Protein backbone atom coordinates (compact mmCIF):
# COMPACT_ATOMS: atom_id res chain seq x y z
CA MET A 1 4.83 31.57 -33.48
CA ASP A 2 1.94 31.78 -35.53
CA THR A 3 -2.12 31.22 -34.40
CA SER A 4 -2.31 28.11 -36.18
CA GLN A 5 1.16 27.08 -35.04
CA LEU A 6 0.56 27.12 -31.50
CA LEU A 7 -2.88 25.52 -31.98
CA LEU A 8 -1.01 22.50 -33.77
CA PHE A 9 1.40 22.44 -30.65
CA ILE A 10 -1.89 22.64 -27.92
CA ALA A 11 -3.37 19.75 -30.05
CA ALA A 12 -0.59 17.80 -30.23
CA GLY A 13 0.08 18.14 -26.15
CA LEU A 14 -3.22 17.31 -25.17
CA LEU A 15 -3.75 14.23 -27.79
CA LEU A 16 -0.11 13.19 -26.20
CA ASN A 17 -1.11 13.37 -22.72
CA LEU A 18 -4.46 11.80 -23.30
CA THR A 19 -2.30 8.95 -24.40
CA PRO A 20 -2.22 6.44 -21.35
CA GLY A 21 1.36 5.57 -19.57
CA PRO A 22 3.01 5.12 -16.79
CA ASP A 23 1.97 8.93 -15.42
CA VAL A 24 -1.52 8.42 -16.32
CA LEU A 25 -1.54 4.92 -14.64
CA TYR A 26 -0.01 6.25 -11.47
CA ILE A 27 -2.87 9.15 -11.15
CA VAL A 28 -5.56 6.87 -11.80
CA THR A 29 -4.18 3.95 -9.46
CA ASN A 30 -4.42 6.46 -6.89
CA ALA A 31 -8.03 7.81 -7.56
CA LEU A 32 -9.63 4.56 -7.80
CA ARG A 33 -7.80 3.71 -4.62
CA SER A 34 -8.13 7.18 -2.36
CA GLY A 35 -9.92 9.54 -4.13
CA ALA A 36 -9.93 12.34 -6.47
CA ARG A 37 -8.27 14.40 -4.44
CA ALA A 38 -4.90 11.80 -4.30
CA GLY A 39 -5.81 11.53 -8.10
CA MET A 40 -4.70 15.16 -8.03
CA VAL A 41 -2.11 15.37 -6.16
CA ALA A 42 -0.41 12.56 -7.87
CA ALA A 43 -1.01 14.64 -11.17
CA LEU A 44 0.62 17.80 -9.27
CA GLY A 45 3.50 15.24 -8.50
CA ILE A 46 3.98 14.69 -12.11
CA THR A 47 3.74 17.92 -13.14
CA ALA A 48 6.34 19.01 -11.21
CA GLY A 49 8.63 16.48 -12.26
CA CYS A 50 7.75 17.62 -15.66
CA PHE A 51 9.06 21.19 -14.96
CA VAL A 52 12.66 19.92 -13.94
CA HIS A 53 12.73 18.00 -17.31
CA ILE A 54 11.62 21.32 -19.09
CA VAL A 55 14.44 23.76 -17.16
CA ALA A 56 16.83 21.30 -17.63
CA ALA A 57 15.73 20.19 -21.39
CA ALA A 58 15.76 24.50 -21.87
CA LEU A 59 19.27 24.99 -20.42
CA GLY A 60 21.25 22.32 -21.95
CA VAL A 61 20.74 19.19 -19.64
CA GLY A 62 18.84 17.13 -22.07
CA ALA A 63 21.29 17.78 -24.86
CA LEU A 64 23.98 16.01 -22.74
CA LEU A 65 21.53 12.94 -22.29
CA THR A 66 21.21 12.75 -25.64
CA ALA A 67 24.99 12.89 -26.22
CA SER A 68 26.30 11.06 -23.49
CA GLY A 69 25.88 7.44 -23.19
CA SER A 70 27.09 7.08 -19.57
CA ALA A 71 24.66 9.62 -18.18
CA PHE A 72 21.69 8.48 -19.97
CA ALA A 73 22.58 5.00 -18.98
CA ALA A 74 22.89 6.32 -15.39
CA LEU A 75 19.41 8.11 -14.79
CA LYS A 76 17.80 5.27 -17.20
CA TRP A 77 18.66 2.54 -14.90
CA LEU A 78 17.57 5.01 -11.48
CA GLY A 79 14.26 5.82 -13.19
CA ALA A 80 14.47 1.37 -14.10
CA ALA A 81 14.82 0.66 -10.67
CA TYR A 82 12.08 3.32 -9.21
CA LEU A 83 9.38 2.26 -11.47
CA ILE A 84 10.32 -1.33 -10.39
CA TYR A 85 10.17 -0.62 -6.59
CA VAL A 86 6.89 1.45 -7.03
CA GLY A 87 5.38 -1.45 -9.04
CA LEU A 88 6.36 -3.85 -6.22
CA GLY A 89 4.66 -1.87 -3.55
CA LEU A 90 1.82 -1.94 -5.16
CA MET A 91 1.57 -5.75 -5.61
CA LEU A 92 2.53 -6.47 -2.29
CA GLN A 93 0.21 -3.60 -0.65
CA ARG A 94 -2.37 -5.39 1.87
CA ARG A 95 -5.93 -5.14 1.00
CA ALA A 96 -7.65 -1.76 1.30
CA GLY A 97 -7.91 -0.17 4.32
CA ALA A 98 -4.57 -1.64 5.70
CA GLY A 99 -1.88 0.32 3.78
CA SER A 100 -0.37 3.52 5.16
CA MET A 101 -3.16 5.63 3.51
CA PRO A 102 -6.71 5.42 4.20
CA VAL A 103 -9.37 4.73 1.33
CA VAL A 104 -11.80 7.54 0.99
CA ALA A 105 -15.25 7.06 0.14
CA THR A 106 -18.45 9.64 0.63
CA ASN A 107 -18.02 11.55 3.56
CA SER A 108 -15.31 9.58 5.08
CA ILE A 109 -12.17 12.46 4.95
CA ALA A 110 -13.75 13.89 8.24
CA ALA A 111 -13.31 10.42 9.66
CA CYS A 112 -9.64 10.24 9.02
CA ASP A 113 -6.93 11.38 10.95
CA ARG A 114 -5.37 14.46 9.62
CA LYS A 115 -1.65 14.25 9.66
CA ASN A 116 -1.89 10.46 8.36
CA TRP A 117 -3.75 11.89 5.57
CA ALA A 118 -1.43 15.05 4.73
CA ASN A 119 1.31 12.26 4.97
CA GLY A 120 -0.11 10.38 2.20
CA LEU A 121 -0.72 12.75 0.17
CA LYS A 122 2.69 14.19 0.63
CA ALA A 123 3.86 10.58 -0.26
CA VAL A 124 1.61 10.35 -3.40
CA PHE A 125 3.02 13.71 -4.54
CA PHE A 126 6.70 12.88 -4.11
CA GLN A 127 6.44 9.37 -5.39
CA GLY A 128 4.98 10.97 -8.95
CA PHE A 129 7.75 13.68 -9.07
CA TRP A 130 9.89 10.86 -8.78
CA THR A 131 8.76 8.87 -10.98
CA ASN A 132 8.67 11.28 -13.66
CA VAL A 133 12.23 12.91 -13.01
CA LEU A 134 14.03 9.75 -13.23
CA ASN A 135 12.75 8.69 -16.45
CA PRO A 136 15.23 10.02 -19.11
CA LYS A 137 12.64 9.60 -21.79
CA VAL A 138 10.90 12.55 -20.93
CA ALA A 139 13.46 14.75 -20.99
CA LEU A 140 14.33 13.63 -24.36
CA PHE A 141 10.89 13.67 -25.54
CA PHE A 142 10.52 17.41 -24.82
CA LEU A 143 14.09 17.94 -26.43
CA ALA A 144 12.78 16.17 -29.55
CA PHE A 145 9.06 17.61 -29.58
CA VAL A 146 9.32 21.22 -28.39
CA PRO A 147 12.08 22.51 -31.22
CA GLN A 148 9.68 21.41 -33.60
CA PHE A 149 7.83 24.27 -32.81
CA ILE A 150 10.70 27.37 -32.89
CA ALA A 151 10.97 29.08 -35.55
CA PRO A 152 15.07 28.95 -36.88
CA ASP A 153 15.21 32.63 -36.73
CA MET A 154 13.77 32.45 -33.05
CA ALA A 155 15.96 35.54 -31.17
CA ASN A 156 15.75 33.58 -27.52
CA LYS A 157 15.51 29.58 -28.23
CA PRO A 158 16.12 28.90 -24.89
CA LEU A 159 12.80 31.32 -23.46
CA ALA A 160 10.54 29.85 -26.16
CA PHE A 161 11.69 26.45 -25.47
CA LEU A 162 10.57 27.22 -22.02
CA LEU A 163 7.38 29.13 -22.16
CA LEU A 164 6.69 26.16 -25.04
CA GLY A 165 7.39 23.46 -22.60
CA LEU A 166 5.48 25.21 -19.46
CA LEU A 167 2.45 25.72 -22.08
CA PHE A 168 2.44 22.00 -22.73
CA ASN A 169 2.86 21.15 -18.96
CA PHE A 170 -0.28 23.01 -18.06
CA ASN A 171 -1.91 21.47 -20.49
CA GLY A 172 -0.80 17.78 -19.62
CA LEU A 173 -2.09 19.02 -15.94
CA CYS A 174 -5.54 19.24 -17.16
CA VAL A 175 -5.34 16.46 -18.96
CA ASN A 176 -4.25 14.54 -15.79
CA VAL A 177 -6.73 16.04 -12.99
CA GLY A 178 -9.41 14.67 -15.75
CA TRP A 179 -8.40 11.52 -15.58
CA ALA A 180 -8.34 11.67 -11.70
CA LEU A 181 -11.65 12.97 -11.39
CA ALA A 182 -13.05 10.54 -14.00
CA ALA A 183 -11.31 7.89 -11.94
CA ALA A 184 -12.68 8.81 -8.89
CA TRP A 185 -15.93 9.10 -9.95
CA MET A 186 -16.14 5.45 -11.62
CA ALA A 187 -14.68 4.29 -8.16
CA SER A 188 -17.44 5.89 -6.41
CA ARG A 189 -20.42 4.72 -8.65
CA LEU A 190 -19.13 1.38 -10.08
CA VAL A 191 -19.45 -1.60 -7.19
CA ALA A 192 -17.41 -3.67 -9.10
CA VAL A 193 -14.58 -1.11 -9.39
CA ARG A 194 -14.24 -0.98 -5.26
CA ALA A 195 -14.77 -4.89 -4.74
CA GLY A 196 -11.72 -5.84 -7.70
CA LEU A 197 -9.28 -2.43 -6.14
CA HIS A 198 -7.51 -5.31 -4.66
CA TRP A 199 -6.63 -6.99 -8.15
CA LEU A 200 -6.62 -3.42 -10.02
CA GLU A 201 -3.60 -2.35 -7.71
CA ARG A 202 -1.82 -5.61 -8.36
CA ALA A 203 -2.21 -5.44 -11.73
CA ALA A 204 -1.20 -1.96 -11.74
CA GLY A 205 1.84 -2.91 -10.20
CA LEU A 206 2.73 -5.65 -12.80
CA MET A 207 2.24 -2.92 -15.45
CA PHE A 208 5.10 -0.50 -13.53
CA VAL A 209 7.43 -3.55 -13.01
CA GLY A 210 6.49 -4.14 -16.85
CA PHE A 211 7.87 -0.29 -17.82
CA GLY A 212 10.70 -0.48 -15.68
CA ILE A 213 11.68 -3.28 -17.49
CA ARG A 214 11.00 -1.71 -20.68
CA LEU A 215 13.10 1.04 -19.64
CA ALA A 216 15.97 -1.13 -18.71
CA LEU A 217 16.05 -2.75 -21.85
CA SER A 218 15.56 0.11 -23.77
CA GLY A 219 18.98 1.49 -26.01
CA HIS A 220 20.49 5.38 -26.13
CA PRO A 221 17.90 7.03 -28.85
CA SER A 222 21.30 8.13 -30.85
CA ARG A 223 21.79 4.49 -31.20
């Protein structure tokens, strides 16, 4: 790949990662509720999920999802159920301060129970991971997007796919960390955001339920 093609790939990837979706919503919700660290951990969980899709697509699993309606449907229903589960969890969560993970304000981390905080961050990471892994559209996205930048005469196409996928994922992580920092900054500066966090969580939960329903109703991309 020449320099112009590589720069085009990076620019397209950054624009795609800047587009709000379930991943961005998950990161922003955690950053608003529990601070920048929770938002960045959410971003790391989503990035880890993307690594699974990248490796799977490079090995041909993504092609299997495209070709097999039953495999796609199974993963689609699992992903939809999990998105709805996450959404309902946000909608039914008790007010800030009563949840399982403490809300972090300025200088409040030292007052938190360290073990509970670590467990909370672990839960944030794995929820982001599974939200991404169980979405078959992510695998199909990589299968459709990345090969456009691989030359037909490339000697080792799986390796090229893997390297481009890793570059896309690294750029995506930078963007997602930016989302987390921006959301945490906004929550720390704007009283109205903190006061309305209870309703923001419910709105985010409703959107997750909507994403899950939309995924459940989506058809196989090859049909």
